[in-house]
Amino acid sequence: MHEYSLIQALLERVDAAARQHGATRVERLRVRVGELAGVERELLASAYELARTGTCCAAAELELLDEPARWECGRCGAAIARGAVLRCGECGAPARLAGGDALVLERLEMEVP
């Protein structure tokens, strides 16, 4: 289950940010999960519940936001509709993935003195 290692890395990143800002506690994490990120949302949430005990995120809420995959033309930038052929209808160039393939810590809410 690689979601657990992703959560471990996330907690390390949050801990470093909390120490950098002198935070007394972390209140909330908002993470954007891309449709093509290769992450099972439920497993990620479950791994967070297990791993956060004893960390600066012990009481922090994890908010997961879904991000759909988006494709666009690699040449002219035209958007390519979901389910369409991955080739531009305008210029014929191949499509490129424009979003929805990442796991991003979007927001971190901390209590600082």
C-alpha atoms as a PDB file:
ATOM      1  CA  MET A   1       0.000   0.000   0.000  1.00  0.00           C
ATOM      2  CA  HIS A   2       1.975   2.975  -1.246  1.00  0.00           C
ATOM      3  CA  GLU A   3      -0.642   5.360   0.173  1.00  0.00           C
ATOM      4  CA  TYR A   4       0.947   4.832   3.589  1.00  0.00           C
ATOM      5  CA  SER A   5       4.362   5.962   2.309  1.00  0.00           C
ATOM      6  CA  LEU A   6       2.700   8.975   0.662  1.00  0.00           C
ATOM      7  CA  ILE A   7       1.091   9.893   3.982  1.00  0.00           C
ATOM      8  CA  GLN A   8       4.416   9.446   5.783  1.00  0.00           C
ATOM      9  CA  ALA A   9       6.034  11.882   3.333  1.00  0.00           C
ATOM     10  CA  LEU A  10       3.112  14.293   3.719  1.00  0.00           C
ATOM     11  CA  LEU A  11       3.392  14.218   7.518  1.00  0.00           C
ATOM     12  CA  GLU A  12       7.140  14.871   7.319  1.00  0.00           C
ATOM     13  CA  ARG A  13       6.525  17.854   5.046  1.00  0.00           C
ATOM     14  CA  VAL A  14       3.817  19.239   7.322  1.00  0.00           C
ATOM     15  CA  ASP A  15       6.009  18.719  10.402  1.00  0.00           C
ATOM     16  CA  ALA A  16       8.851  20.656   8.756  1.00  0.00           C
ATOM     17  CA  ALA A  17       6.493  23.509   7.854  1.00  0.00           C
ATOM     18  CA  ALA A  18       5.016  23.555  11.363  1.00  0.00           C
ATOM     19  CA  ARG A  19       8.492  23.739  12.940  1.00  0.00           C
ATOM     20  CA  GLN A  20       9.557  26.445  10.495  1.00  0.00           C
ATOM     21  CA  HIS A  21       6.601  28.628  11.500  1.00  0.00           C
ATOM     22  CA  GLY A  22       6.672  27.744  15.212  1.00  0.00           C
ATOM     23  CA  ALA A  23       3.182  26.244  15.058  1.00  0.00           C
ATOM     24  CA  THR A  24       1.715  24.863  18.252  1.00  0.00           C
ATOM     25  CA  ARG A  25      -0.655  22.580  16.352  1.00  0.00           C
ATOM     26  CA  VAL A  26      -1.926  21.753  12.905  1.00  0.00           C
ATOM     27  CA  GLU A  27      -5.670  22.215  12.403  1.00  0.00           C
ATOM     28  CA  ARG A  28      -6.346  21.040   8.846  1.00  0.00           C
ATOM     29  CA  LEU A  29      -4.697  19.693   5.705  1.00  0.00           C
ATOM     30  CA  ARG A  30      -6.253  20.063   2.270  1.00  0.00           C
ATOM     31  CA  VAL A  31      -4.880  17.679  -0.328  1.00  0.00           C
ATOM     32  CA  ARG A  32      -5.859  17.645  -3.999  1.00  0.00           C
ATOM     33  CA  VAL A  33      -5.936  14.097  -5.419  1.00  0.00           C
ATOM     34  CA  GLY A  34      -5.700  13.835  -9.179  1.00  0.00           C
ATOM     35  CA  GLU A  35      -7.835  11.247 -10.928  1.00  0.00           C
ATOM     36  CA  LEU A  36      -4.707   9.827 -12.603  1.00  0.00           C
ATOM     37  CA  ALA A  37      -2.382  10.174  -9.587  1.00  0.00           C
ATOM     38  CA  GLY A  38      -2.509   6.435  -8.942  1.00  0.00           C
ATOM     39  CA  VAL A  39      -3.855   6.942  -5.423  1.00  0.00           C
ATOM     40  CA  GLU A  40      -6.847   5.261  -3.825  1.00  0.00           C
ATOM     41  CA  ARG A  41      -8.652   8.017  -1.968  1.00  0.00           C
ATOM     42  CA  GLU A  42     -10.091   5.695   0.718  1.00  0.00           C
ATOM     43  CA  LEU A  43      -6.721   4.051   1.371  1.00  0.00           C
ATOM     44  CA  LEU A  44      -5.080   7.485   1.642  1.00  0.00           C
ATOM     45  CA  ALA A  45      -7.635   8.585   4.250  1.00  0.00           C
ATOM     46  CA  SER A  46      -7.229   5.322   6.145  1.00  0.00           C
ATOM     47  CA  ALA A  47      -3.431   5.587   6.104  1.00  0.00           C
ATOM     48  CA  TYR A  48      -3.701   9.142   7.436  1.00  0.00           C
ATOM     49  CA  GLU A  49      -5.851   7.993  10.348  1.00  0.00           C
ATOM     50  CA  LEU A  50      -3.252   5.360  11.269  1.00  0.00           C
ATOM     51  CA  ALA A  51      -0.123   7.460  10.760  1.00  0.00           C
ATOM     52  CA  ARG A  52      -1.125  10.779  12.331  1.00  0.00           C
ATOM     53  CA  THR A  53      -1.162   9.493  15.914  1.00  0.00           C
ATOM     54  CA  GLY A  54       1.676  11.079  17.876  1.00  0.00           C
ATOM     55  CA  THR A  55       2.460  13.644  15.167  1.00  0.00           C
ATOM     56  CA  CYS A  56       1.750  17.361  14.890  1.00  0.00           C
ATOM     57  CA  CYS A  57      -1.298  16.323  12.835  1.00  0.00           C
ATOM     58  CA  ALA A  58      -2.805  14.143  15.559  1.00  0.00           C
ATOM     59  CA  ALA A  59      -5.912  16.353  15.780  1.00  0.00           C
ATOM     60  CA  ALA A  60      -5.829  17.731  12.235  1.00  0.00           C
ATOM     61  CA  GLU A  61      -8.635  17.121   9.789  1.00  0.00           C
ATOM     62  CA  LEU A  62      -7.672  15.784   6.364  1.00  0.00           C
ATOM     63  CA  GLU A  63      -9.732  17.200   3.515  1.00  0.00           C
ATOM     64  CA  LEU A  64      -9.355  15.393   0.194  1.00  0.00           C
ATOM     65  CA  LEU A  65     -10.391  17.172  -3.001  1.00  0.00           C
ATOM     66  CA  ASP A  66     -10.850  15.273  -6.245  1.00  0.00           C
ATOM     67  CA  GLU A  67      -9.289  16.701  -9.402  1.00  0.00           C
ATOM     68  CA  PRO A  68     -10.464  15.303 -12.742  1.00  0.00           C
ATOM     69  CA  ALA A  69      -7.985  14.569 -15.515  1.00  0.00           C
ATOM     70  CA  ARG A  70      -7.743  17.312 -18.143  1.00  0.00           C
ATOM     71  CA  TRP A  71      -6.242  17.051 -21.604  1.00  0.00           C
ATOM     72  CA  GLU A  72      -5.203  19.782 -24.024  1.00  0.00           C
ATOM     73  CA  CYS A  73      -3.433  20.154 -27.335  1.00  0.00           C
ATOM     74  CA  GLY A  74       0.324  20.182 -26.969  1.00  0.00           C
ATOM     75  CA  ARG A  75       0.660  22.625 -29.858  1.00  0.00           C
ATOM     76  CA  CYS A  76      -2.200  25.157 -29.689  1.00  0.00           C
ATOM     77  CA  GLY A  77      -3.469  24.586 -26.136  1.00  0.00           C
ATOM     78  CA  ALA A  78      -7.068  23.831 -27.110  1.00  0.00           C
ATOM     79  CA  ALA A  79      -8.989  21.854 -24.477  1.00  0.00           C
ATOM     80  CA  ILE A  80      -9.836  18.273 -25.415  1.00  0.00           C
ATOM     81  CA  ALA A  81     -13.155  16.943 -24.140  1.00  0.00           C
ATOM     82  CA  ARG A  82     -13.247  14.060 -21.711  1.00  0.00           C
ATOM     83  CA  GLY A  83     -13.601  10.779 -23.587  1.00  0.00           C
ATOM     84  CA  ALA A  84     -12.628  12.297 -26.936  1.00  0.00           C
ATOM     85  CA  VAL A  85      -9.814  11.067 -29.142  1.00  0.00           C
ATOM     86  CA  LEU A  86      -6.544  12.355 -27.681  1.00  0.00           C
ATOM     87  CA  ARG A  87      -5.764  14.453 -30.725  1.00  0.00           C
ATOM     88  CA  CYS A  88      -6.605  18.131 -31.264  1.00  0.00           C
ATOM     89  CA  GLY A  89      -9.722  18.755 -33.321  1.00  0.00           C
ATOM     90  CA  GLU A  90      -8.319  22.147 -34.363  1.00  0.00           C
ATOM     91  CA  CYS A  91      -4.768  21.405 -35.498  1.00  0.00           C
ATOM     92  CA  GLY A  92      -4.467  17.604 -35.308  1.00  0.00           C
ATOM     93  CA  ALA A  93      -1.564  17.582 -32.831  1.00  0.00           C
ATOM     94  CA  PRO A  94      -1.445  14.934 -30.088  1.00  0.00           C
ATOM     95  CA  ALA A  95      -2.978  15.767 -26.728  1.00  0.00           C
ATOM     96  CA  ARG A  96      -1.029  16.188 -23.534  1.00  0.00           C
ATOM     97  CA  LEU A  97      -2.168  15.704 -19.966  1.00  0.00           C
ATOM     98  CA  ALA A  98      -2.800  19.164 -18.493  1.00  0.00           C
ATOM     99  CA  GLY A  99      -3.889  18.204 -14.989  1.00  0.00           C
ATOM    100  CA  GLY A 100      -5.305  15.552 -12.739  1.00  0.00           C
ATOM    101  CA  ASP A 101      -2.175  13.455 -12.324  1.00  0.00           C
ATOM    102  CA  ALA A 102      -0.794  14.908  -9.089  1.00  0.00           C
ATOM    103  CA  LEU A 103      -1.165  14.682  -5.341  1.00  0.00           C
ATOM    104  CA  VAL A 104      -0.808  18.229  -3.966  1.00  0.00           C
ATOM    105  CA  LEU A 105      -0.793  19.643  -0.447  1.00  0.00           C
ATOM    106  CA  GLU A 106      -2.994  22.595  -1.316  1.00  0.00           C
ATOM    107  CA  ARG A 107      -3.550  24.159   2.094  1.00  0.00           C
ATOM    108  CA  LEU A 108      -2.115  23.821   5.582  1.00  0.00           C
ATOM    109  CA  GLU A 109      -3.850  25.483   8.531  1.00  0.00           C
ATOM    110  CA  MET A 110      -1.734  25.848  11.656  1.00  0.00           C
ATOM    111  CA  GLU A 111      -2.042  27.578  14.988  1.00  0.00           C
ATOM    112  CA  VAL A 112       0.952  29.850  15.509  1.00  0.00           C
ATOM    113  CA  PRO A 113       1.751  32.046  18.530  1.00  0.00           C
END
